Amino acid sequence: MRRELASTYALVFGGLVVGLLVGVLVIDYDPAILGWIFGAGGGLALGAFLAAIASNTPLVGNPGTGQRYAPLDDDEDWRDRR
C-alpha cells in the first residue's frame, strides 16, 4: 500500500467501523441485519466523503480536462452559439 493512501484508507475503514457500531447499538430495526447494513453503508459513505475531502479529490466533474466555460460577452448573443 502506498504511504500517501494510508490515511485515506484509514478514514474509509474508520467510517465503516463507526457506522457498523451505530447500526448495531443505536439503530433499532425489526430485522437487526437491516440496521447493521444501513449503519455500515452510511458510515462507509461518510468515511469515503471525508477521505475525498482530505485528499483534495474532486467529487464532481472531470479533473483531467481543465475546461472552463467562458462567460458570454455583453455584445454576444446566446442564439449565435447554436
Protein backbone atom coordinates (compact mmCIF):
# COMPACT_ATOMS: atom_id res chain seq x y z
CA MET A 1 0.00 0.00 0.00
CA ARG A 2 1.33 3.41 -0.91
CA ARG A 3 2.11 5.61 2.04
CA GLU A 4 0.02 8.60 0.92
CA LEU A 5 -3.09 6.41 0.63
CA ALA A 6 -2.84 5.01 4.17
CA SER A 7 -4.74 7.90 5.78
CA THR A 8 -7.42 7.70 3.10
CA TYR A 9 -7.95 4.01 3.72
CA ALA A 10 -7.97 4.64 7.47
CA LEU A 11 -10.76 7.20 7.09
CA VAL A 12 -12.87 4.85 4.97
CA PHE A 13 -12.29 1.88 7.26
CA GLY A 14 -12.89 4.01 10.37
CA GLY A 15 -16.16 5.27 8.90
CA LEU A 16 -17.20 1.69 8.20
CA VAL A 17 -16.43 0.61 11.77
CA VAL A 18 -18.20 3.61 13.34
CA GLY A 19 -21.21 3.14 11.06
CA LEU A 20 -21.40 -0.54 11.90
CA LEU A 21 -21.27 0.27 15.61
CA VAL A 22 -24.06 2.80 15.17
CA GLY A 23 -26.05 0.21 13.24
CA VAL A 24 -25.61 -2.37 15.98
CA LEU A 25 -26.03 -0.17 19.06
CA VAL A 26 -28.25 2.75 18.03
CA ILE A 27 -30.48 1.86 15.08
CA ASP A 28 -33.42 -0.33 16.07
CA TYR A 29 -34.86 -2.24 13.10
CA ASP A 30 -37.09 -5.27 13.42
CA PRO A 31 -34.74 -7.50 11.42
CA ALA A 32 -31.46 -6.42 13.01
CA ILE A 33 -29.43 -7.11 9.87
CA LEU A 34 -31.08 -4.12 8.16
CA GLY A 35 -29.84 -1.79 10.89
CA TRP A 36 -26.35 -3.20 10.51
CA ILE A 37 -26.43 -2.78 6.72
CA PHE A 38 -27.79 0.79 6.84
CA GLY A 39 -25.33 1.80 9.56
CA ALA A 40 -22.36 0.27 7.75
CA GLY A 41 -23.43 1.85 4.45
CA GLY A 42 -23.84 5.29 5.99
CA GLY A 43 -20.51 5.06 7.78
CA LEU A 44 -18.77 3.87 4.64
CA ALA A 45 -20.26 6.72 2.60
CA LEU A 46 -19.31 9.30 5.22
CA GLY A 47 -15.79 7.89 5.52
CA ALA A 48 -15.33 7.96 1.74
CA PHE A 49 -16.63 11.53 1.60
CA LEU A 50 -14.21 12.66 4.31
CA ALA A 51 -11.35 10.83 2.59
CA ALA A 52 -12.12 12.61 -0.69
CA ILE A 53 -12.20 15.97 1.07
CA ALA A 54 -8.94 15.24 2.93
CA SER A 55 -7.11 14.10 -0.21
CA ASN A 56 -8.40 17.04 -2.28
CA THR A 57 -10.10 14.73 -4.78
CA PRO A 58 -12.86 16.40 -6.82
CA LEU A 59 -16.16 14.61 -6.35
CA VAL A 60 -17.94 16.16 -9.33
CA GLY A 61 -16.64 16.77 -12.83
CA ASN A 62 -13.76 15.55 -14.89
CA PRO A 63 -10.48 16.66 -13.31
CA GLY A 64 -8.42 15.81 -16.39
CA THR A 65 -9.85 18.22 -18.95
CA GLY A 66 -9.44 21.52 -17.14
CA GLN A 67 -12.07 23.12 -19.35
CA ARG A 68 -13.65 26.30 -18.16
CA TYR A 69 -16.68 27.87 -19.72
CA ALA A 70 -16.06 31.47 -20.65
CA PRO A 71 -18.86 33.85 -19.72
CA LEU A 72 -20.79 35.43 -22.54
CA ASP A 73 -19.75 38.91 -23.50
CA ASP A 74 -22.30 41.68 -23.37
CA ASP A 75 -22.31 42.13 -27.13
CA GLU A 76 -22.51 38.39 -27.88
CA ASP A 77 -25.95 36.93 -28.39
CA TRP A 78 -26.63 33.49 -26.92
CA ARG A 79 -28.59 32.48 -30.05
CA ASP A 80 -25.42 32.65 -32.14
CA ARG A 81 -23.87 29.74 -30.22
CA ARG A 82 -26.14 27.08 -31.76
